[in-house]
N, C-alpha and C. Protein backbone atom coordinates (compact mmCIF):
# COMPACT_ATOMS: atom_id res chain seq x y z
N MET A 1 -46.49 185.31 -32.99
CA MET A 1 -47.67 186.13 -33.10
C MET A 1 -48.84 185.38 -32.51
N ALA A 2 -49.59 186.01 -31.64
CA ALA A 2 -50.72 185.36 -30.99
C ALA A 2 -51.71 184.88 -32.04
N GLY A 3 -52.09 183.61 -31.97
CA GLY A 3 -53.10 183.07 -32.85
C GLY A 3 -52.60 182.64 -34.21
N GLY A 4 -51.29 182.70 -34.46
CA GLY A 4 -50.82 182.28 -35.77
C GLY A 4 -49.33 182.29 -35.90
N GLU A 5 -48.87 181.82 -37.05
CA GLU A 5 -47.44 181.80 -37.34
C GLU A 5 -47.01 183.14 -37.92
N TYR A 6 -45.79 183.54 -37.61
CA TYR A 6 -45.23 184.77 -38.15
C TYR A 6 -43.78 184.49 -38.49
N ILE A 7 -43.39 184.74 -39.72
CA ILE A 7 -42.03 184.48 -40.17
C ILE A 7 -41.38 185.82 -40.53
N MET A 8 -40.26 186.12 -39.87
CA MET A 8 -39.53 187.35 -40.16
C MET A 8 -38.79 187.20 -41.50
N VAL A 9 -38.79 188.27 -42.28
CA VAL A 9 -38.08 188.31 -43.55
C VAL A 9 -37.02 189.39 -43.46
N GLN A 10 -35.77 189.01 -43.60
CA GLN A 10 -34.65 189.94 -43.52
C GLN A 10 -34.03 190.04 -44.91
N THR A 11 -34.14 191.21 -45.53
CA THR A 11 -33.62 191.37 -46.89
C THR A 11 -32.27 192.07 -46.92
N THR A 12 -31.84 192.58 -45.79
CA THR A 12 -30.56 193.28 -45.70
C THR A 12 -29.83 192.84 -44.45
N GLU A 13 -28.58 193.17 -44.39
CA GLU A 13 -27.81 192.90 -43.18
C GLU A 13 -28.22 193.89 -42.10
N PRO A 14 -28.17 193.49 -40.83
CA PRO A 14 -28.54 194.41 -39.74
C PRO A 14 -27.79 195.73 -39.86
N GLY A 15 -28.53 196.83 -39.66
CA GLY A 15 -27.94 198.16 -39.70
C GLY A 15 -27.83 198.76 -41.09
N LYS A 16 -28.16 197.98 -42.13
CA LYS A 16 -28.10 198.48 -43.50
C LYS A 16 -29.51 198.87 -43.95
N PRO A 17 -29.62 199.89 -44.81
CA PRO A 17 -30.94 200.27 -45.31
C PRO A 17 -31.57 199.15 -46.14
N GLY A 18 -32.88 199.07 -46.09
CA GLY A 18 -33.57 198.06 -46.88
C GLY A 18 -34.97 197.86 -46.37
N ILE A 19 -35.67 196.97 -47.00
CA ILE A 19 -37.05 196.68 -46.61
C ILE A 19 -37.07 195.29 -46.00
N ASN A 20 -37.41 195.22 -44.75
CA ASN A 20 -37.55 193.95 -44.05
C ASN A 20 -39.01 193.78 -43.68
N GLY A 21 -39.37 192.64 -43.20
CA GLY A 21 -40.78 192.46 -42.85
C GLY A 21 -41.05 191.07 -42.35
N GLY A 22 -42.24 190.62 -42.63
CA GLY A 22 -42.63 189.31 -42.18
C GLY A 22 -43.82 188.80 -42.96
N LEU A 23 -44.05 187.52 -42.83
CA LEU A 23 -45.18 186.87 -43.47
C LEU A 23 -45.96 186.13 -42.41
N PHE A 24 -47.27 186.15 -42.55
CA PHE A 24 -48.08 185.35 -41.66
C PHE A 24 -49.22 184.74 -42.44
N LYS A 25 -49.72 183.62 -41.94
CA LYS A 25 -50.81 182.91 -42.59
C LYS A 25 -52.09 183.72 -42.44
N GLN A 26 -52.84 183.80 -43.53
CA GLN A 26 -54.12 184.51 -43.51
C GLN A 26 -55.01 183.86 -42.46
N MET A 27 -55.60 184.69 -41.59
CA MET A 27 -56.40 184.15 -40.48
C MET A 27 -57.90 184.29 -40.70
N GLY A 28 -58.30 184.80 -41.84
CA GLY A 28 -59.72 184.93 -42.13
C GLY A 28 -59.92 185.58 -43.49
N PRO A 29 -61.14 185.54 -44.01
CA PRO A 29 -61.39 186.06 -45.35
C PRO A 29 -61.15 187.57 -45.49
N ASP A 30 -61.23 188.32 -44.39
CA ASP A 30 -61.01 189.77 -44.45
C ASP A 30 -59.57 190.16 -44.13
N ASP A 31 -58.73 189.18 -43.89
CA ASP A 31 -57.33 189.44 -43.56
C ASP A 31 -56.56 189.70 -44.85
N LYS A 32 -56.12 190.93 -45.04
CA LYS A 32 -55.46 191.35 -46.28
C LYS A 32 -53.99 191.70 -46.01
N PRO A 33 -53.16 191.68 -47.07
CA PRO A 33 -51.77 192.12 -46.88
C PRO A 33 -51.73 193.55 -46.34
N ARG A 34 -50.74 193.84 -45.52
CA ARG A 34 -50.57 195.17 -44.93
C ARG A 34 -49.16 195.65 -45.16
N SER A 35 -49.05 196.93 -45.31
CA SER A 35 -47.72 197.52 -45.35
C SER A 35 -47.50 198.28 -44.06
N TYR A 36 -46.26 198.34 -43.64
CA TYR A 36 -45.87 199.08 -42.45
C TYR A 36 -44.90 200.17 -42.86
N ILE A 37 -45.03 201.30 -42.22
CA ILE A 37 -44.15 202.42 -42.47
C ILE A 37 -43.31 202.63 -41.22
N GLY A 38 -42.00 202.66 -41.38
CA GLY A 38 -41.11 202.92 -40.26
C GLY A 38 -41.16 204.39 -39.87
N VAL A 39 -41.35 204.67 -38.59
CA VAL A 39 -41.41 206.05 -38.09
C VAL A 39 -40.46 206.20 -36.91
N ALA A 40 -40.06 207.43 -36.65
CA ALA A 40 -39.18 207.69 -35.50
C ALA A 40 -39.93 207.54 -34.19
N SER A 41 -41.22 207.87 -34.18
CA SER A 41 -42.03 207.80 -32.96
C SER A 41 -43.47 207.48 -33.32
N VAL A 42 -43.94 206.32 -32.88
CA VAL A 42 -45.34 205.96 -33.10
C VAL A 42 -46.25 206.97 -32.40
N ALA A 43 -45.91 207.37 -31.18
CA ALA A 43 -46.75 208.31 -30.43
C ALA A 43 -46.91 209.63 -31.17
N ARG A 44 -45.82 210.21 -31.65
CA ARG A 44 -45.89 211.48 -32.38
C ARG A 44 -46.67 211.33 -33.69
N THR A 45 -46.45 210.21 -34.37
CA THR A 45 -47.17 209.97 -35.62
C THR A 45 -48.66 209.84 -35.37
N LEU A 46 -49.06 209.14 -34.31
CA LEU A 46 -50.49 209.01 -34.00
C LEU A 46 -51.10 210.37 -33.66
N ASN A 47 -50.34 211.22 -32.98
CA ASN A 47 -50.84 212.57 -32.68
C ASN A 47 -51.11 213.34 -33.97
N LYS A 48 -50.24 213.22 -34.96
CA LYS A 48 -50.43 213.89 -36.24
C LYS A 48 -51.64 213.32 -36.98
N VAL A 49 -51.79 212.00 -36.94
CA VAL A 49 -52.93 211.34 -37.59
C VAL A 49 -54.24 211.84 -36.97
N LYS A 50 -54.30 211.88 -35.65
CA LYS A 50 -55.50 212.34 -34.95
C LYS A 50 -55.78 213.81 -35.25
N ALA A 51 -54.73 214.63 -35.30
CA ALA A 51 -54.91 216.06 -35.57
C ALA A 51 -55.49 216.30 -36.96
N ARG A 52 -55.18 215.42 -37.91
CA ARG A 52 -55.73 215.53 -39.26
C ARG A 52 -57.17 215.04 -39.32
N GLY A 53 -57.61 214.37 -38.26
CA GLY A 53 -58.95 213.81 -38.26
C GLY A 53 -59.02 212.41 -38.85
N ASP A 54 -57.86 211.79 -39.09
CA ASP A 54 -57.85 210.43 -39.61
C ASP A 54 -58.04 209.44 -38.47
N LYS A 55 -58.30 208.19 -38.82
CA LYS A 55 -58.70 207.17 -37.85
C LYS A 55 -57.53 206.31 -37.39
N VAL A 56 -57.43 206.13 -36.08
CA VAL A 56 -56.49 205.18 -35.48
C VAL A 56 -57.29 203.91 -35.21
N VAL A 57 -56.90 202.81 -35.84
CA VAL A 57 -57.64 201.55 -35.71
C VAL A 57 -57.10 200.73 -34.54
N GLN A 58 -55.78 200.73 -34.38
CA GLN A 58 -55.12 200.01 -33.29
C GLN A 58 -54.16 200.97 -32.62
N PRO A 59 -54.40 201.32 -31.35
CA PRO A 59 -53.48 202.22 -30.66
C PRO A 59 -52.09 201.59 -30.52
N LYS A 60 -51.15 202.39 -30.08
CA LYS A 60 -49.76 201.96 -29.88
C LYS A 60 -49.71 200.71 -29.01
N MET A 61 -49.01 199.70 -29.51
CA MET A 61 -48.81 198.45 -28.77
C MET A 61 -47.36 198.02 -28.91
N ALA A 62 -46.87 197.34 -27.90
CA ALA A 62 -45.50 196.84 -27.92
C ALA A 62 -45.42 195.48 -28.61
N ILE A 63 -44.35 195.28 -29.34
CA ILE A 63 -43.92 193.96 -29.76
C ILE A 63 -42.65 193.75 -28.95
N PRO A 64 -42.74 193.01 -27.83
CA PRO A 64 -41.62 192.92 -26.90
C PRO A 64 -40.29 192.58 -27.58
N GLY A 65 -39.29 193.38 -27.26
CA GLY A 65 -37.96 193.17 -27.78
C GLY A 65 -37.74 193.68 -29.20
N MET A 66 -38.81 194.17 -29.84
CA MET A 66 -38.68 194.63 -31.23
C MET A 66 -39.03 196.11 -31.39
N GLY A 67 -40.18 196.52 -30.87
CA GLY A 67 -40.58 197.91 -31.05
C GLY A 67 -42.06 198.13 -30.79
N TRP A 68 -42.57 199.20 -31.37
CA TRP A 68 -43.96 199.63 -31.16
C TRP A 68 -44.66 199.71 -32.50
N PHE A 69 -45.97 199.39 -32.50
CA PHE A 69 -46.71 199.52 -33.74
C PHE A 69 -48.12 200.01 -33.46
N ALA A 70 -48.77 200.44 -34.51
CA ALA A 70 -50.17 200.85 -34.47
C ALA A 70 -50.71 200.72 -35.89
N PHE A 71 -52.04 200.70 -36.02
CA PHE A 71 -52.67 200.71 -37.33
C PHE A 71 -53.51 201.96 -37.47
N ILE A 72 -53.42 202.56 -38.66
CA ILE A 72 -54.23 203.73 -38.97
C ILE A 72 -54.94 203.46 -40.31
N VAL A 73 -55.92 204.29 -40.60
CA VAL A 73 -56.55 204.28 -41.92
C VAL A 73 -56.10 205.56 -42.60
N ASP A 74 -55.47 205.40 -43.77
CA ASP A 74 -54.95 206.59 -44.46
C ASP A 74 -56.10 207.36 -45.13
N PRO A 75 -55.82 208.55 -45.66
CA PRO A 75 -56.88 209.37 -46.25
C PRO A 75 -57.66 208.69 -47.39
N GLU A 76 -57.08 207.64 -48.00
CA GLU A 76 -57.78 206.93 -49.07
C GLU A 76 -58.51 205.70 -48.56
N GLY A 77 -58.51 205.49 -47.24
CA GLY A 77 -59.24 204.36 -46.66
C GLY A 77 -58.45 203.08 -46.54
N ASN A 78 -57.14 203.11 -46.78
CA ASN A 78 -56.30 201.92 -46.68
C ASN A 78 -55.78 201.73 -45.25
N LEU A 79 -55.79 200.48 -44.80
CA LEU A 79 -55.22 200.15 -43.51
C LEU A 79 -53.70 200.17 -43.63
N GLN A 80 -53.04 200.95 -42.78
CA GLN A 80 -51.58 201.06 -42.79
C GLN A 80 -51.04 200.81 -41.39
N GLY A 81 -49.94 200.09 -41.32
CA GLY A 81 -49.25 199.92 -40.06
C GLY A 81 -48.12 200.93 -39.94
N ILE A 82 -47.86 201.38 -38.73
CA ILE A 82 -46.67 202.19 -38.47
C ILE A 82 -45.85 201.47 -37.42
N PHE A 83 -44.53 201.54 -37.55
CA PHE A 83 -43.65 200.78 -36.67
C PHE A 83 -42.45 201.61 -36.27
N GLN A 84 -42.10 201.50 -34.99
CA GLN A 84 -40.93 202.19 -34.42
C GLN A 84 -40.02 201.13 -33.82
N ASP A 85 -38.77 201.08 -34.27
CA ASP A 85 -37.79 200.16 -33.68
C ASP A 85 -37.53 200.55 -32.23
N ASP A 86 -37.52 199.57 -31.34
CA ASP A 86 -37.15 199.81 -29.94
C ASP A 86 -36.97 198.44 -29.28
N SER A 87 -35.73 198.00 -29.17
CA SER A 87 -35.45 196.68 -28.59
C SER A 87 -35.85 196.59 -27.12
N LYS A 88 -36.13 197.73 -26.47
CA LYS A 88 -36.53 197.72 -25.06
C LYS A 88 -38.05 197.72 -24.87
N ALA A 89 -38.81 197.66 -25.96
CA ALA A 89 -40.27 197.67 -25.86
C ALA A 89 -40.75 196.44 -25.07
N LYS A 90 -41.72 196.68 -24.19
CA LYS A 90 -42.31 195.61 -23.37
C LYS A 90 -43.81 195.71 -23.38
């Protein structure tokens, strides 16, 4: 991860249902824990978010070799990540 350490956390075997994720060192006083929601398509999800009038904080970006992500603000004002698996992301 640019600017810091990122450690992947694998709680299940590949291909099995479960919650996986990662840990990174806090990079500033406003850096808070985030949750990510797995989606089939980041692009389609962002279109739905925009259509509702909610805020996209970080547009779709690639994590090379892993997938796509974006950050949105949910209706209650919480920062949420969305993630789409795609090993071909560049």
